[in-house]
Amino acid sequence: MSTAAKPSAIHLPSLATAIVIMLAGTVTPMMMANSAGKADHGLATALFVAMSAGMVRGVGFVPRALVWRWLFSGWMCMVALAVAAWLKFH
């Protein structure tokens, strides 16, 4: 019996989300500002969590430890993106 883990595949939805957040944040950093033009740290944090989770899961890396696997999952990417949308539009 082999103890080696099978290779993970690229997860395109997570990777695409991470790349869009990365490019949009670079081209229009004001998307992470509030209506007064000041930095919205909660929104930026939620977007960066979504981007990080999306990038890690998107390239196919799946951590072994349950906590890290959950934190860097496609689900976390989606939840952080939903939090960012709620912070932006609420």
N, C-alpha and C. Protein backbone atom coordinates (compact mmCIF):
# COMPACT_ATOMS: atom_id res chain seq x y z
N MET A 1 0.82 -1.19 0.00
CA MET A 1 0.00 0.00 0.00
C MET A 1 0.86 1.25 0.00
N SER A 2 0.47 2.18 -0.82
CA SER A 2 1.20 3.44 -0.91
C SER A 2 0.57 4.46 0.02
N THR A 3 1.41 5.20 0.73
CA THR A 3 0.90 6.24 1.63
C THR A 3 0.93 7.61 0.98
N ALA A 4 1.39 7.68 -0.26
CA ALA A 4 1.46 8.97 -0.96
C ALA A 4 0.05 9.43 -1.33
N ALA A 5 -0.19 10.69 -1.13
CA ALA A 5 -1.50 11.26 -1.46
C ALA A 5 -1.60 11.45 -2.96
N LYS A 6 -2.80 11.29 -3.47
CA LYS A 6 -2.98 11.49 -4.91
C LYS A 6 -2.90 12.98 -5.21
N PRO A 7 -2.39 13.35 -6.37
CA PRO A 7 -2.25 14.77 -6.70
C PRO A 7 -3.61 15.44 -6.86
N SER A 8 -3.70 16.67 -6.42
CA SER A 8 -4.94 17.44 -6.55
C SER A 8 -4.95 18.16 -7.88
N ALA A 9 -6.14 18.38 -8.38
CA ALA A 9 -6.30 19.08 -9.65
C ALA A 9 -6.50 20.57 -9.40
N ILE A 10 -6.26 21.33 -10.42
CA ILE A 10 -6.51 22.77 -10.35
C ILE A 10 -8.01 22.99 -10.19
N HIS A 11 -8.38 23.91 -9.31
CA HIS A 11 -9.78 24.25 -9.06
C HIS A 11 -10.03 25.62 -9.71
N LEU A 12 -10.53 25.59 -10.94
CA LEU A 12 -10.64 26.82 -11.73
C LEU A 12 -11.52 27.90 -11.12
N PRO A 13 -12.69 27.59 -10.51
CA PRO A 13 -13.48 28.69 -9.93
C PRO A 13 -12.72 29.46 -8.85
N SER A 14 -12.03 28.76 -7.98
CA SER A 14 -11.26 29.43 -6.92
C SER A 14 -10.10 30.22 -7.49
N LEU A 15 -9.40 29.63 -8.45
CA LEU A 15 -8.27 30.31 -9.06
C LEU A 15 -8.72 31.55 -9.82
N ALA A 16 -9.81 31.45 -10.55
CA ALA A 16 -10.33 32.60 -11.29
C ALA A 16 -10.75 33.72 -10.34
N THR A 17 -11.39 33.35 -9.23
CA THR A 17 -11.79 34.35 -8.23
C THR A 17 -10.58 35.07 -7.67
N ALA A 18 -9.55 34.31 -7.33
CA ALA A 18 -8.33 34.91 -6.77
C ALA A 18 -7.66 35.84 -7.77
N ILE A 19 -7.60 35.43 -9.03
CA ILE A 19 -6.95 36.26 -10.04
C ILE A 19 -7.75 37.53 -10.30
N VAL A 20 -9.08 37.43 -10.33
CA VAL A 20 -9.91 38.63 -10.53
C VAL A 20 -9.75 39.61 -9.37
N ILE A 21 -9.74 39.11 -8.13
CA ILE A 21 -9.54 39.99 -6.98
C ILE A 21 -8.17 40.64 -7.05
N MET A 22 -7.15 39.86 -7.40
CA MET A 22 -5.78 40.39 -7.48
C MET A 22 -5.69 41.49 -8.53
N LEU A 23 -6.22 41.23 -9.72
CA LEU A 23 -6.14 42.22 -10.79
C LEU A 23 -7.01 43.45 -10.51
N ALA A 24 -8.22 43.24 -10.02
CA ALA A 24 -9.11 44.36 -9.72
C ALA A 24 -8.53 45.24 -8.62
N GLY A 25 -7.95 44.62 -7.59
CA GLY A 25 -7.33 45.40 -6.52
C GLY A 25 -6.12 46.17 -6.97
N THR A 26 -5.43 45.65 -7.98
CA THR A 26 -4.26 46.35 -8.51
C THR A 26 -4.66 47.50 -9.42
N VAL A 27 -5.65 47.26 -10.28
CA VAL A 27 -6.07 48.28 -11.24
C VAL A 27 -6.91 49.37 -10.57
N THR A 28 -7.82 48.98 -9.69
CA THR A 28 -8.69 49.96 -9.02
C THR A 28 -8.65 49.76 -7.50
N PRO A 29 -7.61 50.24 -6.85
CA PRO A 29 -7.54 50.05 -5.40
C PRO A 29 -8.64 50.78 -4.63
N MET A 30 -9.30 51.72 -5.28
CA MET A 30 -10.40 52.43 -4.60
C MET A 30 -11.60 51.52 -4.36
N MET A 31 -11.62 50.33 -4.95
CA MET A 31 -12.72 49.40 -4.67
C MET A 31 -12.67 48.93 -3.22
N MET A 32 -11.53 49.12 -2.58
CA MET A 32 -11.38 48.74 -1.17
C MET A 32 -11.50 49.95 -0.26
N ALA A 33 -12.16 50.99 -0.73
CA ALA A 33 -12.36 52.20 0.07
C ALA A 33 -13.84 52.35 0.40
N ASN A 34 -14.11 53.08 1.45
CA ASN A 34 -15.50 53.35 1.81
C ASN A 34 -16.00 54.58 1.04
N SER A 35 -17.21 54.99 1.33
CA SER A 35 -17.81 56.11 0.58
C SER A 35 -17.08 57.43 0.83
N ALA A 36 -16.35 57.54 1.93
CA ALA A 36 -15.59 58.76 2.22
C ALA A 36 -14.21 58.74 1.58
N GLY A 37 -13.86 57.65 0.89
CA GLY A 37 -12.57 57.56 0.24
C GLY A 37 -11.46 57.03 1.14
N LYS A 38 -11.79 56.66 2.36
CA LYS A 38 -10.80 56.10 3.30
C LYS A 38 -10.73 54.58 3.11
N ALA A 39 -9.60 54.02 3.46
CA ALA A 39 -9.43 52.57 3.35
C ALA A 39 -10.43 51.84 4.24
N ASP A 40 -11.11 50.85 3.67
CA ASP A 40 -12.03 50.01 4.42
C ASP A 40 -11.30 48.72 4.76
N HIS A 41 -10.77 48.66 5.97
CA HIS A 41 -9.91 47.55 6.36
C HIS A 41 -10.67 46.23 6.46
N GLY A 42 -11.92 46.26 6.87
CA GLY A 42 -12.71 45.04 6.93
C GLY A 42 -12.94 44.46 5.54
N LEU A 43 -13.27 45.32 4.59
CA LEU A 43 -13.48 44.88 3.21
C LEU A 43 -12.18 44.35 2.61
N ALA A 44 -11.10 45.06 2.82
CA ALA A 44 -9.80 44.61 2.30
C ALA A 44 -9.40 43.26 2.89
N THR A 45 -9.63 43.09 4.18
CA THR A 45 -9.30 41.82 4.83
C THR A 45 -10.13 40.68 4.24
N ALA A 46 -11.43 40.90 4.07
CA ALA A 46 -12.29 39.86 3.50
C ALA A 46 -11.85 39.52 2.07
N LEU A 47 -11.52 40.53 1.28
CA LEU A 47 -11.06 40.28 -0.08
C LEU A 47 -9.72 39.54 -0.10
N PHE A 48 -8.82 39.91 0.80
CA PHE A 48 -7.52 39.24 0.83
C PHE A 48 -7.63 37.80 1.32
N VAL A 49 -8.55 37.54 2.24
CA VAL A 49 -8.79 36.15 2.67
C VAL A 49 -9.35 35.35 1.50
N ALA A 50 -10.31 35.92 0.78
CA ALA A 50 -10.87 35.24 -0.39
C ALA A 50 -9.79 34.99 -1.44
N MET A 51 -8.95 35.98 -1.67
CA MET A 51 -7.89 35.84 -2.66
C MET A 51 -6.88 34.77 -2.22
N SER A 52 -6.50 34.76 -0.96
CA SER A 52 -5.53 33.78 -0.48
C SER A 52 -6.07 32.37 -0.54
N ALA A 53 -7.29 32.18 -0.05
CA ALA A 53 -7.91 30.85 -0.09
C ALA A 53 -8.11 30.40 -1.53
N GLY A 54 -8.53 31.32 -2.38
CA GLY A 54 -8.74 30.97 -3.79
C GLY A 54 -7.45 30.60 -4.49
N MET A 55 -6.39 31.30 -4.18
CA MET A 55 -5.11 31.01 -4.83
C MET A 55 -4.56 29.66 -4.37
N VAL A 56 -4.60 29.40 -3.07
CA VAL A 56 -4.08 28.14 -2.54
C VAL A 56 -4.87 26.96 -3.09
N ARG A 57 -6.20 27.03 -2.98
CA ARG A 57 -7.04 25.94 -3.48
C ARG A 57 -7.02 25.89 -5.00
N GLY A 58 -6.93 27.04 -5.63
CA GLY A 58 -6.99 27.11 -7.08
C GLY A 58 -5.83 26.42 -7.77
N VAL A 59 -4.64 26.49 -7.19
CA VAL A 59 -3.49 25.83 -7.81
C VAL A 59 -3.45 24.34 -7.50
N GLY A 60 -4.39 23.88 -6.68
CA GLY A 60 -4.50 22.45 -6.42
C GLY A 60 -3.91 21.97 -5.12
N PHE A 61 -3.47 22.89 -4.27
CA PHE A 61 -2.90 22.48 -2.98
C PHE A 61 -4.02 22.26 -1.98
N VAL A 62 -4.02 21.09 -1.35
CA VAL A 62 -5.00 20.78 -0.31
C VAL A 62 -4.22 20.35 0.92
N PRO A 63 -4.20 21.20 1.98
CA PRO A 63 -3.44 20.86 3.19
C PRO A 63 -3.97 19.59 3.85
N ARG A 64 -3.13 18.94 4.62
CA ARG A 64 -3.53 17.70 5.31
C ARG A 64 -4.31 17.98 6.58
N ALA A 65 -3.90 18.99 7.34
CA ALA A 65 -4.57 19.30 8.61
C ALA A 65 -5.95 19.88 8.33
N LEU A 66 -6.92 19.43 9.08
CA LEU A 66 -8.31 19.81 8.85
C LEU A 66 -8.53 21.33 8.93
N VAL A 67 -7.94 21.99 9.90
CA VAL A 67 -8.13 23.43 10.06
C VAL A 67 -7.61 24.17 8.83
N TRP A 68 -6.39 23.83 8.40
CA TRP A 68 -5.81 24.50 7.23
C TRP A 68 -6.58 24.14 5.96
N ARG A 69 -7.03 22.89 5.88
CA ARG A 69 -7.80 22.47 4.71
C ARG A 69 -9.07 23.30 4.60
N TRP A 70 -9.71 23.58 5.74
CA TRP A 70 -10.93 24.39 5.72
C TRP A 70 -10.62 25.86 5.42
N LEU A 71 -9.55 26.38 6.02
CA LEU A 71 -9.20 27.79 5.82
C LEU A 71 -8.77 28.10 4.39
N PHE A 72 -8.19 27.13 3.71
CA PHE A 72 -7.74 27.33 2.33
C PHE A 72 -8.58 26.51 1.35
N SER A 73 -9.88 26.50 1.56
CA SER A 73 -10.78 25.74 0.70
C SER A 73 -11.55 26.68 -0.23
N GLY A 74 -12.18 26.09 -1.21
CA GLY A 74 -13.06 26.85 -2.08
C GLY A 74 -14.24 27.43 -1.32
N TRP A 75 -14.69 26.71 -0.30
CA TRP A 75 -15.81 27.20 0.52
C TRP A 75 -15.42 28.47 1.27
N MET A 76 -14.21 28.50 1.82
CA MET A 76 -13.75 29.70 2.53
C MET A 76 -13.62 30.87 1.56
N CYS A 77 -13.17 30.59 0.37
CA CYS A 77 -13.07 31.63 -0.66
C CYS A 77 -14.45 32.23 -0.91
N MET A 78 -15.46 31.37 -1.04
CA MET A 78 -16.82 31.82 -1.31
C MET A 78 -17.40 32.60 -0.11
N VAL A 79 -17.16 32.10 1.09
CA VAL A 79 -17.68 32.78 2.29
C VAL A 79 -17.03 34.15 2.45
N ALA A 80 -15.71 34.23 2.28
CA ALA A 80 -15.01 35.51 2.41
C ALA A 80 -15.45 36.49 1.33
N LEU A 81 -15.72 35.98 0.13
CA LEU A 81 -16.21 36.84 -0.95
C LEU A 81 -17.61 37.35 -0.63
N ALA A 82 -18.45 36.51 -0.04
CA ALA A 82 -19.79 36.94 0.37
C ALA A 82 -19.72 37.99 1.47
N VAL A 83 -18.81 37.81 2.42
CA VAL A 83 -18.62 38.81 3.49
C VAL A 83 -18.15 40.13 2.88
N ALA A 84 -17.23 40.06 1.92
CA ALA A 84 -16.75 41.28 1.27
C ALA A 84 -17.88 41.99 0.53
N ALA A 85 -18.72 41.24 -0.15
CA ALA A 85 -19.86 41.84 -0.86
C ALA A 85 -20.82 42.48 0.13
N TRP A 86 -21.07 41.80 1.26
CA TRP A 86 -21.97 42.35 2.26
C TRP A 86 -21.39 43.64 2.85
N LEU A 87 -20.09 43.65 3.14
CA LEU A 87 -19.46 44.86 3.67
C LEU A 87 -19.48 46.00 2.66
N LYS A 88 -19.32 45.70 1.39
CA LYS A 88 -19.27 46.73 0.36
C LYS A 88 -20.65 47.35 0.11
N PHE A 89 -21.67 46.50 0.08
CA PHE A 89 -22.99 46.98 -0.34
C PHE A 89 -23.99 47.15 0.79
N HIS A 90 -23.57 46.94 2.00
CA HIS A 90 -24.52 47.11 3.14
C HIS A 90 -24.32 48.44 3.79
